[in-house]
């Protein structure tokens, strides 16, 4: 194989991989959106809040889910797309000193979905501690 053919094959392969990643991310995003909407619809129909749930509502416009992995945490935040929810969330993360490694923010209809990977500071060791600190900060944010 000459260099041009090798590079051409590499470009083709990378393009195929990127298309596959985009397809999988789209499926993941759609599955998450529909599962969130089903939960919301079920809660509205049942008019019951499950105390065992790892999701916490804030001001009936934002839901936060926290999953800890060592000193990192994955935050999944769902909110209505009004009053700049992403800005408010980033300000709250900064105030709590949750350092962002990666953030993915999507808008679907009137719904904002935030998937955020953060480094958790010492003193916040459990999912509930992280969630409660973030909720307290969100209530005080004036961004």
N, C-alpha and C. Protein backbone atom coordinates (compact mmCIF):
# COMPACT_ATOMS: atom_id res chain seq x y z
N UNK A 1 0.84 -1.20 0.00
CA UNK A 1 0.00 0.00 0.00
C UNK A 1 0.88 1.25 0.00
N UNK A 2 0.47 2.21 -0.80
CA UNK A 2 1.20 3.47 -0.76
C UNK A 2 0.58 4.38 0.31
N UNK A 3 1.25 5.46 0.61
CA UNK A 3 0.81 6.37 1.68
C UNK A 3 -0.57 6.97 1.39
N UNK A 4 -0.82 7.35 0.16
CA UNK A 4 -2.10 7.97 -0.20
C UNK A 4 -3.26 7.00 0.04
N UNK A 5 -3.09 5.75 -0.33
CA UNK A 5 -4.14 4.75 -0.11
C UNK A 5 -4.34 4.50 1.37
N UNK A 6 -3.26 4.41 2.11
CA UNK A 6 -3.34 4.20 3.55
C UNK A 6 -4.07 5.35 4.24
N UNK A 7 -3.72 6.58 3.88
CA UNK A 7 -4.40 7.75 4.46
C UNK A 7 -5.86 7.79 4.05
N UNK A 8 -6.16 7.46 2.82
CA UNK A 8 -7.54 7.44 2.34
C UNK A 8 -8.36 6.42 3.12
N UNK A 9 -7.80 5.23 3.33
CA UNK A 9 -8.49 4.20 4.11
C UNK A 9 -8.69 4.64 5.56
N UNK A 10 -7.69 5.30 6.12
CA UNK A 10 -7.80 5.79 7.51
C UNK A 10 -8.89 6.84 7.63
N UNK A 11 -8.97 7.76 6.68
CA UNK A 11 -10.00 8.80 6.68
C UNK A 11 -11.38 8.17 6.57
N UNK A 12 -11.52 7.20 5.69
CA UNK A 12 -12.80 6.51 5.52
C UNK A 12 -13.21 5.81 6.81
N UNK A 13 -12.27 5.13 7.44
CA UNK A 13 -12.55 4.42 8.68
C UNK A 13 -12.94 5.39 9.80
N UNK A 14 -12.22 6.48 9.93
CA UNK A 14 -12.52 7.49 10.95
C UNK A 14 -13.90 8.09 10.70
N UNK A 15 -14.23 8.36 9.46
CA UNK A 15 -15.55 8.89 9.12
C UNK A 15 -16.65 7.91 9.50
N UNK A 16 -16.42 6.63 9.25
CA UNK A 16 -17.40 5.60 9.63
C UNK A 16 -17.55 5.54 11.15
N UNK A 17 -16.44 5.62 11.87
CA UNK A 17 -16.51 5.59 13.33
C UNK A 17 -17.26 6.80 13.86
N UNK A 18 -17.00 7.98 13.30
CA UNK A 18 -17.70 9.19 13.74
C UNK A 18 -19.20 9.06 13.49
N UNK A 19 -19.58 8.52 12.33
CA UNK A 19 -21.00 8.33 12.03
C UNK A 19 -21.64 7.37 13.03
N UNK A 20 -20.92 6.32 13.40
CA UNK A 20 -21.44 5.34 14.38
C UNK A 20 -21.59 6.00 15.76
N UNK A 21 -20.61 6.80 16.17
CA UNK A 21 -20.68 7.52 17.45
C UNK A 21 -21.89 8.45 17.46
N UNK A 22 -22.07 9.21 16.37
CA UNK A 22 -23.21 10.12 16.27
C UNK A 22 -24.53 9.37 16.37
N UNK A 23 -24.60 8.23 15.69
CA UNK A 23 -25.82 7.41 15.72
C UNK A 23 -26.11 6.90 17.14
N UNK A 24 -25.08 6.40 17.82
CA UNK A 24 -25.25 5.89 19.18
C UNK A 24 -25.61 7.00 20.16
N UNK A 25 -24.97 8.17 20.03
CA UNK A 25 -25.31 9.30 20.90
C UNK A 25 -26.75 9.74 20.68
N UNK A 26 -27.19 9.72 19.45
CA UNK A 26 -28.57 10.08 19.14
C UNK A 26 -29.54 9.09 19.77
N UNK A 27 -29.24 7.80 19.66
CA UNK A 27 -30.10 6.78 20.27
C UNK A 27 -30.12 6.94 21.79
N UNK A 28 -28.96 7.17 22.38
CA UNK A 28 -28.87 7.35 23.83
C UNK A 28 -29.68 8.56 24.28
N UNK A 29 -29.52 9.67 23.56
CA UNK A 29 -30.25 10.89 23.89
C UNK A 29 -31.75 10.67 23.76
N UNK A 30 -32.19 10.03 22.68
CA UNK A 30 -33.61 9.77 22.48
C UNK A 30 -34.17 8.85 23.54
N UNK A 31 -33.43 7.79 23.88
CA UNK A 31 -33.89 6.86 24.93
C UNK A 31 -34.01 7.58 26.27
N UNK A 32 -33.02 8.42 26.60
CA UNK A 32 -33.08 9.16 27.86
C UNK A 32 -34.26 10.12 27.86
N UNK A 33 -34.45 10.84 26.77
CA UNK A 33 -35.55 11.81 26.68
C UNK A 33 -36.89 11.10 26.87
N UNK A 34 -37.09 9.98 26.16
CA UNK A 34 -38.38 9.30 26.27
C UNK A 34 -38.58 8.68 27.64
N UNK A 35 -37.52 8.18 28.28
CA UNK A 35 -37.69 7.62 29.62
C UNK A 35 -38.01 8.73 30.62
N UNK A 36 -37.40 9.92 30.45
CA UNK A 36 -37.70 11.05 31.33
C UNK A 36 -39.14 11.49 31.14
N UNK A 37 -39.58 11.57 29.90
CA UNK A 37 -40.95 11.99 29.62
C UNK A 37 -41.95 10.97 30.16
N UNK A 38 -41.63 9.67 30.05
CA UNK A 38 -42.52 8.64 30.60
C UNK A 38 -42.62 8.78 32.12
N UNK A 39 -41.48 8.99 32.80
CA UNK A 39 -41.49 9.18 34.25
C UNK A 39 -42.32 10.38 34.63
N UNK A 40 -42.11 11.48 33.91
CA UNK A 40 -42.84 12.70 34.21
C UNK A 40 -44.34 12.49 34.01
N UNK A 41 -44.70 11.83 32.92
CA UNK A 41 -46.10 11.56 32.64
C UNK A 41 -46.71 10.66 33.71
N UNK A 42 -45.98 9.63 34.11
CA UNK A 42 -46.46 8.71 35.14
C UNK A 42 -46.65 9.44 36.47
N UNK A 43 -45.67 10.30 36.84
CA UNK A 43 -45.78 11.05 38.09
C UNK A 43 -46.98 12.00 38.05
N UNK A 44 -47.21 12.62 36.90
CA UNK A 44 -48.35 13.51 36.78
C UNK A 44 -49.65 12.74 36.92
N UNK A 45 -49.71 11.55 36.31
CA UNK A 45 -50.92 10.75 36.38
C UNK A 45 -51.15 10.18 37.77
N UNK A 46 -50.09 9.71 38.40
CA UNK A 46 -50.21 9.14 39.73
C UNK A 46 -50.30 10.20 40.81
N UNK A 47 -49.77 11.39 40.48
CA UNK A 47 -49.71 12.50 41.44
C UNK A 47 -49.04 12.06 42.74
N UNK A 48 -47.97 11.26 42.59
CA UNK A 48 -47.25 10.72 43.73
C UNK A 48 -45.77 10.95 43.51
N UNK A 49 -45.05 11.36 44.54
CA UNK A 49 -43.60 11.52 44.46
C UNK A 49 -42.97 10.38 45.23
N UNK A 50 -42.07 9.65 44.59
CA UNK A 50 -41.41 8.50 45.20
C UNK A 50 -40.23 8.97 46.03
N UNK A 51 -40.27 8.75 47.34
CA UNK A 51 -39.18 9.19 48.21
C UNK A 51 -37.93 8.34 48.04
N UNK A 52 -38.04 7.17 47.44
CA UNK A 52 -36.89 6.30 47.23
C UNK A 52 -36.12 6.68 45.97
N UNK A 53 -36.65 7.55 45.17
CA UNK A 53 -36.04 7.92 43.90
C UNK A 53 -34.73 8.67 44.11
N UNK A 54 -33.81 8.51 43.17
CA UNK A 54 -32.55 9.24 43.25
C UNK A 54 -32.67 10.59 42.56
N UNK A 55 -33.87 10.93 42.11
CA UNK A 55 -34.11 12.20 41.46
C UNK A 55 -34.76 13.15 42.46
N UNK A 56 -34.32 14.37 42.46
CA UNK A 56 -34.86 15.39 43.35
C UNK A 56 -35.41 16.53 42.52
N UNK A 57 -36.59 16.98 42.85
CA UNK A 57 -37.15 18.12 42.14
C UNK A 57 -36.77 19.40 42.86
N UNK A 58 -36.59 20.45 42.11
CA UNK A 58 -36.33 21.76 42.67
C UNK A 58 -37.28 22.73 42.02
N UNK A 59 -38.10 23.32 42.80
CA UNK A 59 -39.01 24.36 42.34
C UNK A 59 -39.87 23.90 41.18
N UNK A 60 -40.11 22.61 41.08
CA UNK A 60 -40.95 21.99 40.06
C UNK A 60 -40.50 22.30 38.64
N UNK A 61 -39.30 22.82 38.45
CA UNK A 61 -38.81 23.09 37.10
C UNK A 61 -37.49 22.39 36.82
N UNK A 62 -36.89 21.77 37.82
CA UNK A 62 -35.59 21.16 37.63
C UNK A 62 -35.52 19.85 38.42
N UNK A 63 -34.99 18.80 37.78
CA UNK A 63 -34.77 17.53 38.45
C UNK A 63 -33.29 17.19 38.36
N UNK A 64 -32.73 16.71 39.46
CA UNK A 64 -31.30 16.42 39.52
C UNK A 64 -31.10 14.97 39.95
N UNK A 65 -30.24 14.27 39.21
CA UNK A 65 -29.86 12.91 39.57
C UNK A 65 -28.35 12.87 39.67
N UNK A 66 -27.83 12.26 40.73
CA UNK A 66 -26.38 12.21 40.96
C UNK A 66 -25.95 10.75 41.09
N UNK A 67 -24.90 10.40 40.39
CA UNK A 67 -24.28 9.08 40.51
C UNK A 67 -22.80 9.28 40.80
N UNK A 68 -22.34 8.76 41.94
CA UNK A 68 -20.94 8.91 42.34
C UNK A 68 -20.09 7.77 41.77
N UNK A 69 -18.88 8.12 41.36
CA UNK A 69 -17.88 7.15 40.92
C UNK A 69 -16.56 7.62 41.51
N UNK A 70 -16.21 7.12 42.69
CA UNK A 70 -15.01 7.58 43.38
C UNK A 70 -15.15 9.05 43.75
N UNK A 71 -14.19 9.88 43.33
CA UNK A 71 -14.24 11.31 43.60
C UNK A 71 -14.90 12.10 42.47
N UNK A 72 -15.48 11.39 41.52
CA UNK A 72 -16.20 12.02 40.43
C UNK A 72 -17.69 11.74 40.58
N UNK A 73 -18.47 12.56 39.93
CA UNK A 73 -19.92 12.35 39.94
C UNK A 73 -20.48 12.68 38.56
N UNK A 74 -21.49 11.92 38.19
CA UNK A 74 -22.21 12.23 36.97
C UNK A 74 -23.54 12.84 37.38
N UNK A 75 -23.79 14.05 36.89
CA UNK A 75 -25.03 14.75 37.19
C UNK A 75 -25.91 14.70 35.95
N UNK A 76 -27.16 14.40 36.16
CA UNK A 76 -28.14 14.44 35.08
C UNK A 76 -29.22 15.40 35.54
N UNK A 77 -29.34 16.51 34.84
CA UNK A 77 -30.27 17.56 35.24
C UNK A 77 -31.26 17.79 34.10
N UNK A 78 -32.52 17.76 34.46
CA UNK A 78 -33.58 18.03 33.50
C UNK A 78 -34.33 19.26 33.97
N UNK A 79 -34.60 20.18 33.05
CA UNK A 79 -35.30 21.40 33.45
C UNK A 79 -36.09 21.96 32.28
N UNK A 80 -37.00 22.84 32.60
CA UNK A 80 -37.70 23.55 31.57
C UNK A 80 -36.72 24.53 30.92
N UNK A 81 -36.90 24.79 29.65
CA UNK A 81 -35.99 25.67 28.93
C UNK A 81 -36.49 27.12 29.03
N UNK A 82 -36.37 27.66 30.24
CA UNK A 82 -36.72 29.06 30.44
C UNK A 82 -35.88 29.62 31.58
N UNK A 83 -35.63 30.90 31.54
CA UNK A 83 -34.82 31.58 32.56
C UNK A 83 -33.38 31.08 32.61
N UNK A 84 -32.83 30.73 31.48
CA UNK A 84 -31.42 30.36 31.35
C UNK A 84 -30.99 29.26 32.34
N UNK A 85 -31.56 28.07 32.25
CA UNK A 85 -31.23 27.02 33.20
C UNK A 85 -29.76 26.59 33.15
N UNK A 86 -29.14 26.61 31.98
CA UNK A 86 -27.74 26.20 31.88
C UNK A 86 -26.82 27.17 32.61
N UNK A 87 -27.10 28.44 32.47
CA UNK A 87 -26.30 29.46 33.15
C UNK A 87 -26.43 29.31 34.65
N UNK A 88 -27.65 29.16 35.12
CA UNK A 88 -27.89 29.01 36.56
C UNK A 88 -27.20 27.76 37.10
N UNK A 89 -27.28 26.67 36.33
CA UNK A 89 -26.65 25.43 36.77
C UNK A 89 -25.13 25.58 36.84
N UNK A 90 -24.52 26.20 35.84
CA UNK A 90 -23.07 26.37 35.85
C UNK A 90 -22.62 27.28 37.00
N UNK A 91 -23.39 28.31 37.29
CA UNK A 91 -23.08 29.17 38.43
C UNK A 91 -23.16 28.38 39.74
N UNK A 92 -24.17 27.54 39.85
CA UNK A 92 -24.32 26.72 41.07
C UNK A 92 -23.17 25.72 41.19
N UNK A 93 -22.76 25.11 40.08
CA UNK A 93 -21.63 24.18 40.11
C UNK A 93 -20.37 24.88 40.57
N UNK A 94 -20.15 26.09 40.09
CA UNK A 94 -18.98 26.86 40.48
C UNK A 94 -19.02 27.19 41.96
N UNK A 95 -20.19 27.60 42.45
CA UNK A 95 -20.32 27.96 43.86
C UNK A 95 -20.05 26.77 44.78
N UNK A 96 -20.47 25.58 44.38
CA UNK A 96 -20.27 24.37 45.19
C UNK A 96 -18.87 23.79 44.97
N UNK A 97 -18.11 24.37 44.03
CA UNK A 97 -16.77 23.93 43.68
C UNK A 97 -16.75 22.53 43.07
N UNK A 98 -17.77 22.25 42.26
CA UNK A 98 -17.80 21.02 41.48
C UNK A 98 -17.15 21.36 40.13
N UNK A 99 -15.94 20.86 39.93
CA UNK A 99 -15.17 21.19 38.74
C UNK A 99 -15.62 20.31 37.57
N UNK A 100 -16.02 20.93 36.49
CA UNK A 100 -16.60 20.23 35.34
C UNK A 100 -15.50 19.65 34.46
N UNK A 101 -15.60 18.33 34.22
CA UNK A 101 -14.73 17.66 33.25
C UNK A 101 -15.38 17.68 31.87
N UNK A 102 -16.67 17.40 31.87
CA UNK A 102 -17.39 17.28 30.60
C UNK A 102 -18.84 17.68 30.82
N UNK A 103 -19.41 18.39 29.87
CA UNK A 103 -20.82 18.77 29.95
C UNK A 103 -21.46 18.59 28.59
N UNK A 104 -22.65 18.02 28.60
CA UNK A 104 -23.42 17.86 27.38
C UNK A 104 -24.79 18.47 27.66
N UNK A 105 -25.15 19.48 26.90
CA UNK A 105 -26.42 20.16 27.11
C UNK A 105 -27.23 20.05 25.83
N UNK A 106 -28.45 19.55 25.98
CA UNK A 106 -29.33 19.38 24.82
C UNK A 106 -30.66 20.03 25.10
N UNK A 107 -31.26 20.55 24.06
CA UNK A 107 -32.59 21.13 24.16
C UNK A 107 -33.53 20.37 23.25
N UNK A 108 -34.60 19.85 23.84
CA UNK A 108 -35.61 19.12 23.09
C UNK A 108 -36.95 19.74 23.42
N UNK A 109 -37.58 20.35 22.41
CA UNK A 109 -38.82 21.10 22.63
C UNK A 109 -38.60 22.12 23.74
N UNK A 110 -39.33 22.05 24.82
CA UNK A 110 -39.17 23.00 25.93
C UNK A 110 -38.41 22.39 27.10
N UNK A 111 -37.61 21.37 26.83
CA UNK A 111 -36.90 20.64 27.87
C UNK A 111 -35.40 20.77 27.66
N UNK A 112 -34.67 21.09 28.72
CA UNK A 112 -33.20 21.12 28.68
C UNK A 112 -32.69 19.89 29.42
N UNK A 113 -31.75 19.19 28.80
CA UNK A 113 -31.13 18.03 29.42
C UNK A 113 -29.64 18.31 29.58
N UNK A 114 -29.14 18.17 30.79
CA UNK A 114 -27.73 18.42 31.09
C UNK A 114 -27.13 17.12 31.61
N UNK A 115 -26.10 16.62 30.97
CA UNK A 115 -25.31 15.51 31.49
C UNK A 115 -23.93 16.07 31.77
N UNK A 116 -23.52 16.03 33.04
CA UNK A 116 -22.29 16.70 33.43
C UNK A 116 -21.44 15.76 34.29
N UNK A 117 -20.16 15.66 33.96
CA UNK A 117 -19.21 14.90 34.75
C UNK A 117 -18.36 15.89 35.53
N UNK A 118 -18.34 15.74 36.87
CA UNK A 118 -17.63 16.70 37.72
C UNK A 118 -16.70 15.99 38.69
N UNK A 119 -15.69 16.73 39.14
CA UNK A 119 -14.83 16.28 40.23
C UNK A 119 -15.43 16.83 41.51
N UNK A 120 -15.64 15.96 42.47
CA UNK A 120 -16.30 16.34 43.72
C UNK A 120 -15.25 16.73 44.75
N UNK A 121 -15.41 17.89 45.38
CA UNK A 121 -14.44 18.32 46.40
C UNK A 121 -14.59 17.51 47.68
N UNK A 122 -13.55 17.54 48.50
CA UNK A 122 -13.62 16.87 49.79
C UNK A 122 -14.73 17.50 50.62
N UNK A 123 -15.39 16.68 51.41
CA UNK A 123 -16.49 17.17 52.22
C UNK A 123 -17.83 16.77 51.64
N UNK A 124 -17.87 16.50 50.36
CA UNK A 124 -19.08 15.99 49.72
C UNK A 124 -18.76 14.56 49.29
N UNK A 125 -19.24 13.60 50.07
CA UNK A 125 -18.83 12.22 49.82
C UNK A 125 -19.93 11.32 49.29
N UNK A 126 -21.19 11.71 49.46
CA UNK A 126 -22.28 10.86 49.00
C UNK A 126 -23.10 11.58 47.93
N UNK A 127 -23.90 10.81 47.24
CA UNK A 127 -24.77 11.38 46.21
C UNK A 127 -25.72 12.41 46.82
N UNK A 128 -26.27 12.10 47.98
CA UNK A 128 -27.22 13.02 48.62
C UNK A 128 -26.53 14.33 49.03
N UNK A 129 -25.29 14.25 49.53
CA UNK A 129 -24.58 15.47 49.92
C UNK A 129 -24.33 16.36 48.70
N UNK A 130 -23.93 15.76 47.59
CA UNK A 130 -23.69 16.54 46.37
C UNK A 130 -25.00 17.16 45.90
N UNK A 131 -26.05 16.36 45.85
CA UNK A 131 -27.35 16.83 45.38
C UNK A 131 -27.88 17.95 46.26
N UNK A 132 -27.80 17.78 47.58
CA UNK A 132 -28.31 18.81 48.50
C UNK A 132 -27.50 20.11 48.41
N UNK A 133 -26.18 19.99 48.28
CA UNK A 133 -25.35 21.19 48.13
C UNK A 133 -25.70 21.93 46.85
N UNK A 134 -25.91 21.19 45.79
CA UNK A 134 -26.27 21.81 44.51
C UNK A 134 -27.65 22.45 44.58
N UNK A 135 -28.59 21.78 45.22
CA UNK A 135 -29.94 22.35 45.37
C UNK A 135 -29.92 23.64 46.19
N UNK A 136 -29.15 23.63 47.29
CA UNK A 136 -29.04 24.85 48.10
C UNK A 136 -28.46 26.00 47.28
N UNK A 137 -27.45 25.69 46.50
CA UNK A 137 -26.82 26.72 45.67
C UNK A 137 -27.80 27.23 44.61
N UNK A 138 -28.54 26.34 43.99
CA UNK A 138 -29.49 26.73 42.95
C UNK A 138 -30.58 27.66 43.51
N UNK A 139 -30.98 27.42 44.74
CA UNK A 139 -32.02 28.27 45.34
C UNK A 139 -31.52 29.70 45.57
N UNK A 140 -30.20 29.84 45.73
CA UNK A 140 -29.63 31.16 46.04
C UNK A 140 -29.08 31.88 44.81
N UNK A 141 -28.98 31.18 43.68
CA UNK A 141 -28.36 31.75 42.47
C UNK A 141 -29.18 32.91 41.94
N UNK A 142 -28.48 33.98 41.59
CA UNK A 142 -29.13 35.15 40.99
C UNK A 142 -28.50 35.49 39.65
N UNK A 143 -27.92 34.52 38.97
CA UNK A 143 -27.30 34.77 37.65
C UNK A 143 -28.32 35.26 36.65
